[in-house]
């Protein structure tokens, strides 16, 4: 090893550190670029998944609405039938009461 002065040693070491920094910066830049690309891919996958989930939810909501409409219409028809039967029974009771009242007079 040749005799180096402190100044020469410092210059040599500064050069090596600069080279190391340049090499590390390049590696980290490549790593950052690679990671950015991977994160972008993950973001796109999540966007597609979110769209599929939203479509599934909308489809299920529409199916639930259709089912509810069928149930509601069935319930309306059932209520109508019950009310019509009640009206007929009330009319029959009214006729019977009037007949009984006529007998009493």
PDB file of N, CA and C in Angstrom:
ATOM      1  N   UNK A   1       0.858  -1.174   0.000  1.00  0.00           N
ATOM      2  CA  UNK A   1       0.000   0.000   0.000  1.00  0.00           C
ATOM      3  C   UNK A   1       0.898   1.228   0.000  1.00  0.00           C
ATOM      4  N   UNK A   2       0.687   2.090  -0.966  1.00  0.00           N
ATOM      5  CA  UNK A   2       1.549   3.277  -1.022  1.00  0.00           C
ATOM      6  C   UNK A   2       1.259   4.194   0.145  1.00  0.00           C
ATOM      7  N   UNK A   3       2.208   5.014   0.436  1.00  0.00           N
ATOM      8  CA  UNK A   3       2.005   6.005   1.497  1.00  0.00           C
ATOM      9  C   UNK A   3       1.023   7.045   0.999  1.00  0.00           C
ATOM     10  N   UNK A   4      -0.063   7.197   1.740  1.00  0.00           N
ATOM     11  CA  UNK A   4      -1.080   8.196   1.379  1.00  0.00           C
ATOM     12  C   UNK A   4      -1.141   9.235   2.472  1.00  0.00           C
ATOM     13  N   UNK A   5      -1.313  10.437   2.032  1.00  0.00           N
ATOM     14  CA  UNK A   5      -1.514  11.484   3.029  1.00  0.00           C
ATOM     15  C   UNK A   5      -2.973  11.435   3.465  1.00  0.00           C
ATOM     16  N   UNK A   6      -3.250  12.111   4.532  1.00  0.00           N
ATOM     17  CA  UNK A   6      -4.631  12.166   5.025  1.00  0.00           C
ATOM     18  C   UNK A   6      -5.526  12.775   3.959  1.00  0.00           C
ATOM     19  N   UNK A   7      -5.037  13.791   3.293  1.00  0.00           N
ATOM     20  CA  UNK A   7      -5.826  14.439   2.245  1.00  0.00           C
ATOM     21  C   UNK A   7      -6.084  13.455   1.104  1.00  0.00           C
ATOM     22  N   UNK A   8      -5.070  12.708   0.697  1.00  0.00           N
ATOM     23  CA  UNK A   8      -5.255  11.732  -0.381  1.00  0.00           C
ATOM     24  C   UNK A   8      -6.233  10.628   0.047  1.00  0.00           C
ATOM     25  N   UNK A   9      -6.105  10.188   1.292  1.00  0.00           N
ATOM     26  CA  UNK A   9      -7.004   9.171   1.821  1.00  0.00           C
ATOM     27  C   UNK A   9      -8.443   9.671   1.829  1.00  0.00           C
ATOM     28  N   UNK A  10      -8.609  10.937   2.253  1.00  0.00           N
ATOM     29  CA  UNK A  10      -9.950  11.535   2.267  1.00  0.00           C
ATOM     30  C   UNK A  10     -10.506  11.618   0.855  1.00  0.00           C
ATOM     31  N   UNK A  11      -9.717  12.045  -0.081  1.00  0.00           N
ATOM     32  CA  UNK A  11     -10.153  12.154  -1.474  1.00  0.00           C
ATOM     33  C   UNK A  11     -10.547  10.777  -2.007  1.00  0.00           C
ATOM     34  N   UNK A  12      -9.718   9.774  -1.721  1.00  0.00           N
ATOM     35  CA  UNK A  12     -10.003   8.404  -2.152  1.00  0.00           C
ATOM     36  C   UNK A  12     -11.318   7.904  -1.553  1.00  0.00           C
ATOM     37  N   UNK A  13     -11.471   8.124  -0.251  1.00  0.00           N
ATOM     38  CA  UNK A  13     -12.694   7.661   0.422  1.00  0.00           C
ATOM     39  C   UNK A  13     -13.911   8.432  -0.061  1.00  0.00           C
ATOM     40  N   UNK A  14     -13.791   9.748  -0.259  1.00  0.00           N
ATOM     41  CA  UNK A  14     -14.913  10.536  -0.792  1.00  0.00           C
ATOM     42  C   UNK A  14     -15.344   9.991  -2.150  1.00  0.00           C
ATOM     43  N   UNK A  15     -14.395   9.639  -2.983  1.00  0.00           N
ATOM     44  CA  UNK A  15     -14.714   9.085  -4.302  1.00  0.00           C
ATOM     45  C   UNK A  15     -15.458   7.760  -4.181  1.00  0.00           C
ATOM     46  N   UNK A  16     -14.982   6.915  -3.296  1.00  0.00           N
ATOM     47  CA  UNK A  16     -15.646   5.623  -3.107  1.00  0.00           C
ATOM     48  C   UNK A  16     -17.067   5.798  -2.556  1.00  0.00           C
ATOM     49  N   UNK A  17     -17.225   6.724  -1.619  1.00  0.00           N
ATOM     50  CA  UNK A  17     -18.572   6.985  -1.090  1.00  0.00           C
ATOM     51  C   UNK A  17     -19.495   7.550  -2.168  1.00  0.00           C
ATOM     52  N   UNK A  18     -18.944   8.426  -3.037  1.00  0.00           N
ATOM     53  CA  UNK A  18     -19.759   8.958  -4.138  1.00  0.00           C
ATOM     54  C   UNK A  18     -20.187   7.816  -5.061  1.00  0.00           C
ATOM     55  N   UNK A  19     -19.248   6.941  -5.367  1.00  0.00           N
ATOM     56  CA  UNK A  19     -19.575   5.793  -6.226  1.00  0.00           C
ATOM     57  C   UNK A  19     -20.635   4.905  -5.565  1.00  0.00           C
ATOM     58  N   UNK A  20     -20.453   4.674  -4.281  1.00  0.00           N
ATOM     59  CA  UNK A  20     -21.418   3.866  -3.536  1.00  0.00           C
ATOM     60  C   UNK A  20     -22.787   4.531  -3.525  1.00  0.00           C
ATOM     61  N   UNK A  21     -22.804   5.841  -3.304  1.00  0.00           N
ATOM     62  CA  UNK A  21     -24.084   6.582  -3.291  1.00  0.00           C
ATOM     63  C   UNK A  21     -24.749   6.509  -4.659  1.00  0.00           C
ATOM     64  N   UNK A  22     -23.964   6.685  -5.716  1.00  0.00           N
ATOM     65  CA  UNK A  22     -24.511   6.610  -7.070  1.00  0.00           C
ATOM     66  C   UNK A  22     -25.106   5.222  -7.321  1.00  0.00           C
ATOM     67  N   UNK A  23     -24.355   4.195  -6.922  1.00  0.00           N
ATOM     68  CA  UNK A  23     -24.835   2.820  -7.091  1.00  0.00           C
ATOM     69  C   UNK A  23     -26.111   2.586  -6.276  1.00  0.00           C
ATOM     70  N   UNK A  24     -26.122   3.029  -5.036  1.00  0.00           N
ATOM     71  CA  UNK A  24     -27.296   2.846  -4.176  1.00  0.00           C
ATOM     72  C   UNK A  24     -28.490   3.644  -4.698  1.00  0.00           C
ATOM     73  N   UNK A  25     -28.250   4.883  -5.136  1.00  0.00           N
ATOM     74  CA  UNK A  25     -29.341   5.683  -5.699  1.00  0.00           C
ATOM     75  C   UNK A  25     -29.963   4.979  -6.900  1.00  0.00           C
ATOM     76  N   UNK A  26     -29.112   4.410  -7.744  1.00  0.00           N
ATOM     77  CA  UNK A  26     -29.611   3.690  -8.920  1.00  0.00           C
ATOM     78  C   UNK A  26     -30.439   2.485  -8.514  1.00  0.00           C
ATOM     79  N   UNK A  27     -29.931   1.745  -7.536  1.00  0.00           N
ATOM     80  CA  UNK A  27     -30.670   0.560  -7.084  1.00  0.00           C
ATOM     81  C   UNK A  27     -31.998   0.946  -6.448  1.00  0.00           C
ATOM     82  N   UNK A  28     -31.984   1.985  -5.602  1.00  0.00           N
ATOM     83  CA  UNK A  28     -33.234   2.411  -4.971  1.00  0.00           C
ATOM     84  C   UNK A  28     -34.203   2.996  -5.988  1.00  0.00           C
ATOM     85  N   UNK A  29     -33.674   3.685  -7.001  1.00  0.00           N
ATOM     86  CA  UNK A  29     -34.550   4.225  -8.044  1.00  0.00           C
ATOM     87  C   UNK A  29     -35.238   3.079  -8.772  1.00  0.00           C
ATOM     88  N   UNK A  30     -34.453   2.048  -9.119  1.00  0.00           N
ATOM     89  CA  UNK A  30     -35.039   0.884  -9.797  1.00  0.00           C
ATOM     90  C   UNK A  30     -36.063   0.200  -8.893  1.00  0.00           C
ATOM     91  N   UNK A  31     -35.723   0.063  -7.623  1.00  0.00           N
ATOM     92  CA  UNK A  31     -36.636  -0.559  -6.671  1.00  0.00           C
ATOM     93  C   UNK A  31     -37.909   0.267  -6.530  1.00  0.00           C
ATOM     94  N   UNK A  32     -37.762   1.595  -6.432  1.00  0.00           N
ATOM     95  CA  UNK A  32     -38.934   2.473  -6.304  1.00  0.00           C
ATOM     96  C   UNK A  32     -39.799   2.377  -7.557  1.00  0.00           C
ATOM     97  N   UNK A  33     -39.161   2.376  -8.730  1.00  0.00           N
ATOM     98  CA  UNK A  33     -39.920   2.273  -9.981  1.00  0.00           C
ATOM     99  C   UNK A  33     -40.668   0.947 -10.029  1.00  0.00           C
ATOM    100  N   UNK A  34     -39.986  -0.128  -9.640  1.00  0.00           N
ATOM    101  CA  UNK A  34     -40.617  -1.447  -9.620  1.00  0.00           C
ATOM    102  C   UNK A  34     -41.779  -1.472  -8.627  1.00  0.00           C
ATOM    103  N   UNK A  35     -41.561  -0.917  -7.437  1.00  0.00           N
ATOM    104  CA  UNK A  35     -42.616  -0.901  -6.421  1.00  0.00           C
ATOM    105  C   UNK A  35     -43.793  -0.043  -6.871  1.00  0.00           C
ATOM    106  N   UNK A  36     -43.508   1.112  -7.495  1.00  0.00           N
ATOM    107  CA  UNK A  36     -44.593   1.958  -8.003  1.00  0.00           C
ATOM    108  C   UNK A  36     -45.438   1.195  -9.015  1.00  0.00           C
ATOM    109  N   UNK A  37     -44.776   0.449  -9.884  1.00  0.00           N
ATOM    110  CA  UNK A  37     -45.505  -0.356 -10.873  1.00  0.00           C
ATOM    111  C   UNK A  37     -46.342  -1.428 -10.211  1.00  0.00           C
ATOM    112  N   UNK A  38     -45.780  -2.067  -9.209  1.00  0.00           N
ATOM    113  CA  UNK A  38     -46.534  -3.112  -8.512  1.00  0.00           C
ATOM    114  C   UNK A  38     -47.736  -2.533  -7.775  1.00  0.00           C
ATOM    115  N   UNK A  39     -47.537  -1.384  -7.122  1.00  0.00           N
ATOM    116  CA  UNK A  39     -48.661  -0.750  -6.432  1.00  0.00           C
ATOM    117  C   UNK A  39     -49.741  -0.323  -7.427  1.00  0.00           C
ATOM    118  N   UNK A  40     -49.323   0.146  -8.588  1.00  0.00           N
ATOM    119  CA  UNK A  40     -50.303   0.522  -9.616  1.00  0.00           C
ATOM    120  C   UNK A  40     -51.101  -0.706 -10.053  1.00  0.00           C
ATOM    121  N   UNK A  41     -50.409  -1.861 -10.193  1.00  0.00           N
ATOM    122  CA  UNK A  41     -51.110  -3.101 -10.544  1.00  0.00           C
ATOM    123  C   UNK A  41     -52.115  -3.487  -9.464  1.00  0.00           C
ATOM    124  N   UNK A  42     -51.711  -3.379  -8.214  1.00  0.00           N
ATOM    125  CA  UNK A  42     -52.608  -3.707  -7.100  1.00  0.00           C
ATOM    126  C   UNK A  42     -53.810  -2.757  -7.101  1.00  0.00           C
ATOM    127  N   UNK A  43     -53.562  -1.473  -7.331  1.00  0.00           N
ATOM    128  CA  UNK A  43     -54.665  -0.498  -7.391  1.00  0.00           C
ATOM    129  C   UNK A  43     -55.650  -0.870  -8.490  1.00  0.00           C
ATOM    130  N   UNK A  44     -55.135  -1.275  -9.666  1.00  0.00           N
ATOM    131  CA  UNK A  44     -56.033  -1.667 -10.768  1.00  0.00           C
ATOM    132  C   UNK A  44     -56.834  -2.912 -10.393  1.00  0.00           C
ATOM    133  N   UNK A  45     -56.186  -3.863  -9.718  1.00  0.00           N
ATOM    134  CA  UNK A  45     -56.904  -5.067  -9.298  1.00  0.00           C
ATOM    135  C   UNK A  45     -58.001  -4.723  -8.298  1.00  0.00           C
ATOM    136  N   UNK A  46     -57.699  -3.839  -7.363  1.00  0.00           N
ATOM    137  CA  UNK A  46     -58.720  -3.430  -6.398  1.00  0.00           C
ATOM    138  C   UNK A  46     -59.860  -2.685  -7.088  1.00  0.00           C
ATOM    139  N   UNK A  47     -59.545  -1.865  -8.075  1.00  0.00           N
ATOM    140  CA  UNK A  47     -60.598  -1.158  -8.817  1.00  0.00           C
ATOM    141  C   UNK A  47     -61.524  -2.151  -9.517  1.00  0.00           C
ATOM    142  N   UNK A  48     -60.935  -3.186 -10.150  1.00  0.00           N
ATOM    143  CA  UNK A  48     -61.765  -4.202 -10.817  1.00  0.00           C
ATOM    144  C   UNK A  48     -62.604  -4.971  -9.805  1.00  0.00           C
ATOM    145  N   UNK A  49     -61.981  -5.311  -8.674  1.00  0.00           N
ATOM    146  CA  UNK A  49     -62.708  -6.035  -7.636  1.00  0.00           C
ATOM    147  C   UNK A  49     -63.846  -5.180  -7.080  1.00  0.00           C
ATOM    148  N   UNK A  50     -63.558  -3.899  -6.857  1.00  0.00           N
ATOM    149  CA  UNK A  50     -64.592  -2.991  -6.344  1.00  0.00           C
ATOM    150  C   UNK A  50     -65.759  -2.900  -7.330  1.00  0.00           C
ATOM    151  N   UNK A  51     -65.450  -2.835  -8.621  1.00  0.00           N
ATOM    152  CA  UNK A  51     -66.507  -2.760  -9.635  1.00  0.00           C
ATOM    153  C   UNK A  51     -67.347  -4.040  -9.631  1.00  0.00           C
ATOM    154  N   UNK A  52     -66.687  -5.200  -9.496  1.00  0.00           N
ATOM    155  CA  UNK A  52     -67.435  -6.467  -9.455  1.00  0.00           C
ATOM    156  C   UNK A  52     -68.322  -6.543  -8.214  1.00  0.00           C
ATOM    157  N   UNK A  53     -67.787  -6.126  -7.073  1.00  0.00           N
ATOM    158  CA  UNK A  53     -68.575  -6.162  -5.836  1.00  0.00           C
ATOM    159  C   UNK A  53     -69.759  -5.212  -5.944  1.00  0.00           C
ATOM    160  N   UNK A  54     -69.522  -4.015  -6.479  1.00  0.00           N
ATOM    161  CA  UNK A  54     -70.617  -3.047  -6.626  1.00  0.00           C
ATOM    162  C   UNK A  54     -71.695  -3.587  -7.559  1.00  0.00           C
ATOM    163  N   UNK A  55     -71.278  -4.223  -8.662  1.00  0.00           N
ATOM    164  CA  UNK A  55     -72.257  -4.803  -9.589  1.00  0.00           C
ATOM    165  C   UNK A  55     -73.053  -5.907  -8.905  1.00  0.00           C
ATOM    166  N   UNK A  56     -72.382  -6.728  -8.116  1.00  0.00           N
ATOM    167  CA  UNK A  56     -73.065  -7.805  -7.391  1.00  0.00           C
ATOM    168  C   UNK A  56     -74.059  -7.233  -6.381  1.00  0.00           C
ATOM    169  N   UNK A  57     -73.657  -6.198  -5.674  1.00  0.00           N
ATOM    170  CA  UNK A  57     -74.554  -5.575  -4.696  1.00  0.00           C
ATOM    171  C   UNK A  57     -75.774  -4.978  -5.405  1.00  0.00           C
ATOM    172  N   UNK A  58     -75.552  -4.287  -6.518  1.00  0.00           N
ATOM    173  CA  UNK A  58     -76.671  -3.702  -7.263  1.00  0.00           C
ATOM    174  C   UNK A  58     -77.611  -4.775  -7.793  1.00  0.00           C
ATOM    175  N   UNK A  59     -77.033  -5.876  -8.263  1.00  0.00           N
ATOM    176  CA  UNK A  59     -77.846  -6.992  -8.752  1.00  0.00           C
ATOM    177  C   UNK A  59     -78.675  -7.597  -7.622  1.00  0.00           C
ATOM    178  N   UNK A  60     -78.045  -7.797  -6.467  1.00  0.00           N
ATOM    179  CA  UNK A  60     -78.760  -8.356  -5.317  1.00  0.00           C
ATOM    180  C   UNK A  60     -79.848  -7.400  -4.834  1.00  0.00           C
ATOM    181  N   UNK A  61     -79.566  -6.109  -4.867  1.00  0.00           N
ATOM    182  CA  UNK A  61     -80.564  -5.120  -4.440  1.00  0.00           C
ATOM    183  C   UNK A  61     -81.767  -5.136  -5.384  1.00  0.00           C
ATOM    184  N   UNK A  62     -81.512  -5.230  -6.679  1.00  0.00           N
ATOM    185  CA  UNK A  62     -82.613  -5.279  -7.648  1.00  0.00           C
ATOM    186  C   UNK A  62     -83.442  -6.545  -7.455  1.00  0.00           C
ATOM    187  N   UNK A  63     -82.781  -7.664  -7.216  1.00  0.00           N
ATOM    188  CA  UNK A  63     -83.503  -8.915  -6.975  1.00  0.00           C
ATOM    189  C   UNK A  63     -84.338  -8.826  -5.697  1.00  0.00           C
ATOM    190  N   UNK A  64     -83.781  -8.237  -4.666  1.00  0.00           N
ATOM    191  CA  UNK A  64     -84.506  -8.069  -3.406  1.00  0.00           C
ATOM    192  C   UNK A  64     -85.721  -7.166  -3.619  1.00  0.00           C
ATOM    193  N   UNK A  65     -85.538  -6.099  -4.382  1.00  0.00           N
ATOM    194  CA  UNK A  65     -86.667  -5.197  -4.675  1.00  0.00           C
ATOM    195  C   UNK A  65     -87.774  -5.934  -5.408  1.00  0.00           C
ATOM    196  N   UNK A  66     -87.391  -6.741  -6.423  1.00  0.00           N
ATOM    197  CA  UNK A  66     -88.407  -7.503  -7.168  1.00  0.00           C
ATOM    198  C   UNK A  66     -89.144  -8.468  -6.242  1.00  0.00           C
ATOM    199  N   UNK A  67     -88.405  -9.156  -5.404  1.00  0.00           N
ATOM    200  CA  UNK A  67     -89.017 -10.098  -4.466  1.00  0.00           C
ATOM    201  C   UNK A  67     -89.950  -9.361  -3.508  1.00  0.00           C
ATOM    202  N   UNK A  68     -89.497  -8.230  -3.003  1.00  0.00           N
ATOM    203  CA  UNK A  68     -90.329  -7.453  -2.091  1.00  0.00           C
ATOM    204  C   UNK A  68     -91.602  -6.982  -2.779  1.00  0.00           C
ATOM    205  N   UNK A  69     -91.482  -6.555  -4.041  1.00  0.00           N
ATOM    206  CA  UNK A  69     -92.674  -6.122  -4.788  1.00  0.00           C
ATOM    207  C   UNK A  69     -93.681  -7.263  -4.925  1.00  0.00           C
ATOM    208  N   UNK A  70     -93.196  -8.464  -5.194  1.00  0.00           N
ATOM    209  CA  UNK A  70     -94.086  -9.634  -5.310  1.00  0.00           C
ATOM    210  C   UNK A  70     -94.764  -9.905  -3.971  1.00  0.00           C
ATOM    211  N   UNK A  71     -93.979  -9.881  -2.899  1.00  0.00           N
ATOM    212  CA  UNK A  71     -94.543 -10.125  -1.564  1.00  0.00           C
ATOM    213  C   UNK A  71     -95.553  -9.040  -1.206  1.00  0.00           C
ATOM    214  N   UNK A  72     -95.220  -7.795  -1.489  1.00  0.00           N
ATOM    215  CA  UNK A  72     -96.128  -6.684  -1.169  1.00  0.00           C
ATOM    216  C   UNK A  72     -97.444  -6.822  -1.951  1.00  0.00           C
ATOM    217  N   UNK A  73     -97.353  -7.168  -3.232  1.00  0.00           N
ATOM    218  CA  UNK A  73     -98.569  -7.324  -4.032  1.00  0.00           C
ATOM    219  C   UNK A  73     -99.411  -8.484  -3.505  1.00  0.00           C
ATOM    220  N   UNK A  74     -98.765  -9.564  -3.133  1.00  0.00           N
ATOM    221  CA  UNK A  74     -99.476 -10.701  -2.565  1.00  0.00           C
ATOM    222  C   UNK A  74    -100.172 -10.298  -1.270  1.00  0.00           C
ATOM    223  N   UNK A  75     -99.470  -9.528  -0.461  1.00  0.00           N
ATOM    224  CA  UNK A  75    -100.053  -9.057   0.797  1.00  0.00           C
ATOM    225  C   UNK A  75    -101.258  -8.144   0.539  1.00  0.00           C
ATOM    226  N   UNK A  76    -101.121  -7.272  -0.447  1.00  0.00           N
ATOM    227  CA  UNK A  76    -102.250  -6.392  -0.798  1.00  0.00           C
ATOM    228  C   UNK A  76    -103.470  -7.218  -1.216  1.00  0.00           C
ATOM    229  N   UNK A  77    -103.218  -8.231  -2.047  1.00  0.00           N
ATOM    230  CA  UNK A  77    -104.324  -9.077  -2.507  1.00  0.00           C
ATOM    231  C   UNK A  77    -104.959  -9.808  -1.327  1.00  0.00           C
ATOM    232  N   UNK A  78    -104.147 -10.307  -0.436  1.00  0.00           N
ATOM    233  CA  UNK A  78    -104.656 -11.001   0.758  1.00  0.00           C
ATOM    234  C   UNK A  78    -105.505 -10.059   1.611  1.00  0.00           C
ATOM    235  N   UNK A  79    -105.023  -8.854   1.807  1.00  0.00           N
ATOM    236  CA  UNK A  79    -105.766  -7.861   2.617  1.00  0.00           C
ATOM    237  C   UNK A  79    -107.083  -7.523   1.936  1.00  0.00           C
ATOM    238  N   UNK A  80    -107.043  -7.342   0.592  1.00  0.00           N
ATOM    239  CA  UNK A  80    -108.269  -7.038  -0.144  1.00  0.00           C
ATOM    240  C   UNK A  80    -109.307  -8.149   0.043  1.00  0.00           C
ATOM    241  N   UNK A  81    -108.851  -9.392  -0.078  1.00  0.00           N
ATOM    242  CA  UNK A  81    -109.776 -10.515   0.099  1.00  0.00           C
ATOM    243  C   UNK A  81    -110.370 -10.536   1.497  1.00  0.00           C
ATOM    244  N   UNK A  82    -109.523 -10.289   2.486  1.00  0.00           N
ATOM    245  CA  UNK A  82    -110.010 -10.280   3.877  1.00  0.00           C
ATOM    246  C   UNK A  82    -111.025  -9.161   4.082  1.00  0.00           C
ATOM    247  N   UNK A  83    -110.728  -7.994   3.537  1.00  0.00           N
ATOM    248  CA  UNK A  83    -111.648  -6.870   3.705  1.00  0.00           C
ATOM    249  C   UNK A  83    -112.973  -7.115   2.996  1.00  0.00           C
ATOM    250  N   UNK A  84    -112.905  -7.703   1.809  1.00  0.00           N
ATOM    251  CA  UNK A  84    -114.143  -7.994   1.083  1.00  0.00           C
ATOM    252  C   UNK A  84    -114.989  -9.001   1.867  1.00  0.00           C
ATOM    253  N   UNK A  85    -114.352  -9.983   2.452  1.00  0.00           N
ATOM    254  CA  UNK A  85    -115.070 -10.965   3.267  1.00  0.00           C
ATOM    255  C   UNK A  85    -115.661 -10.318   4.498  1.00  0.00           C
ATOM    256  N   UNK A  86    -114.954  -9.372   5.078  1.00  0.00           N
ATOM    257  CA  UNK A  86    -115.451  -8.667   6.263  1.00  0.00           C
ATOM    258  C   UNK A  86    -116.673  -7.842   5.909  1.00  0.00           C
ATOM    259  N   UNK A  87    -116.610  -7.157   4.762  1.00  0.00           N
ATOM    260  CA  UNK A  87    -117.759  -6.351   4.327  1.00  0.00           C
ATOM    261  C   UNK A  87    -118.994  -7.234   4.137  1.00  0.00           C
ATOM    262  N   UNK A  88    -118.805  -8.382   3.523  1.00  0.00           N
ATOM    263  CA  UNK A  88    -119.935  -9.290   3.288  1.00  0.00           C
ATOM    264  C   UNK A  88    -120.502  -9.774   4.618  1.00  0.00           C
ATOM    265  N   UNK A  89    -119.614 -10.148   5.546  1.00  0.00           N
ATOM    266  CA  UNK A  89    -120.087 -10.611   6.845  1.00  0.00           C
ATOM    267  C   UNK A  89    -120.788  -9.489   7.602  1.00  0.00           C
ATOM    268  N   UNK A  90    -120.268  -8.281   7.516  1.00  0.00           N
ATOM    269  CA  UNK A  90    -120.924  -7.153   8.189  1.00  0.00           C
ATOM    270  C   UNK A  90    -122.297  -6.880   7.589  1.00  0.00           C
ATOM    271  N   UNK A  91    -122.377  -6.984   6.258  1.00  0.00           N
ATOM    272  CA  UNK A  91    -123.679  -6.782   5.610  1.00  0.00           C
ATOM    273  C   UNK A  91    -124.671  -7.859   6.072  1.00  0.00           C
ATOM    274  N   UNK A  92    -124.203  -9.090   6.170  1.00  0.00           N
ATOM    275  CA  UNK A  92    -125.072 -10.179   6.639  1.00  0.00           C
ATOM    276  C   UNK A  92    -125.521  -9.919   8.082  1.00  0.00           C
ATOM    277  N   UNK A  93    -124.609  -9.488   8.932  1.00  0.00           N
ATOM    278  CA  UNK A  93    -124.981  -9.178  10.317  1.00  0.00           C
ATOM    279  C   UNK A  93    -125.976  -8.020  10.360  1.00  0.00           C
ATOM    280  N   UNK A  94    -125.741  -7.027   9.544  1.00  0.00           N
ATOM    281  CA  UNK A  94    -126.660  -5.877   9.505  1.00  0.00           C
ATOM    282  C   UNK A  94    -128.058  -6.337   9.088  1.00  0.00           C
ATOM    283  N   UNK A  95    -128.144  -7.203   8.112  1.00  0.00           N
ATOM    284  CA  UNK A  95    -129.448  -7.708   7.662  1.00  0.00           C
ATOM    285  C   UNK A  95    -130.125  -8.509   8.768  1.00  0.00           C
ATOM    286  N   UNK A  96    -129.382  -9.321   9.465  1.00  0.00           N
ATOM    287  CA  UNK A  96    -129.950 -10.113  10.553  1.00  0.00           C
ATOM    288  C   UNK A  96    -130.462  -9.218  11.679  1.00  0.00           C
ATOM    289  N   UNK A  97    -129.656  -8.194  12.020  1.00  0.00           N
ATOM    290  CA  UNK A  97    -130.080  -7.283  13.094  1.00  0.00           C
ATOM    291  C   UNK A  97    -131.358  -6.557  12.688  1.00  0.00           C
ATOM    292  N   UNK A  98    -131.421  -6.109  11.449  1.00  0.00           N
ATOM    293  CA  UNK A  98    -132.635  -5.415  10.989  1.00  0.00           C
ATOM    294  C   UNK A  98    -133.840  -6.358  11.019  1.00  0.00           C
ATOM    295  N   UNK A  99    -133.625  -7.593  10.654  1.00  0.00           N
ATOM    296  CA  UNK A  99    -134.723  -8.566  10.685  1.00  0.00           C
ATOM    297  C   UNK A  99    -135.192  -8.786  12.112  1.00  0.00           C
ATOM    298  N   UNK A 100    -134.249  -8.873  13.060  1.00  0.00           N
ATOM    299  CA  UNK A 100    -134.611  -9.059  14.463  1.00  0.00           C
ATOM    300  C   UNK A 100    -135.352  -7.834  14.991  1.00  0.00           C
ATOM    301  N   UNK A 101    -134.898  -6.667  14.606  1.00  0.00           N
ATOM    302  CA  UNK A 101    -135.557  -5.439  15.069  1.00  0.00           C
ATOM    303  C   UNK A 101    -136.976  -5.359  14.522  1.00  0.00           C
ATOM    304  N   UNK A 102    -137.213  -5.804  13.308  1.00  0.00           N
ATOM    305  CA  UNK A 102    -138.547  -5.774  12.728  1.00  0.00           C
ATOM    306  C   UNK A 102    -139.486  -6.712  13.502  1.00  0.00           C
ATOM    307  N   UNK A 103    -138.984  -7.834  13.919  1.00  0.00           N
ATOM    308  CA  UNK A 103    -139.781  -8.786  14.678  1.00  0.00           C
ATOM    309  C   UNK A 103    -140.194  -8.191  16.017  1.00  0.00           C
ATOM    310  N   UNK A 104    -139.334  -7.447  16.642  1.00  0.00           N
ATOM    311  CA  UNK A 104    -139.626  -6.876  17.948  1.00  0.00           C
ATOM    312  C   UNK A 104    -140.717  -5.803  17.862  1.00  0.00           C
ATOM    313  N   UNK A 105    -140.844  -5.151  16.816  1.00  0.00           N
ATOM    314  CA  UNK A 105    -141.784  -4.046  16.704  1.00  0.00           C
ATOM    315  C   UNK A 105    -143.145  -4.531  16.563  1.00  0.00           C
TER     316      UNK A 105
END
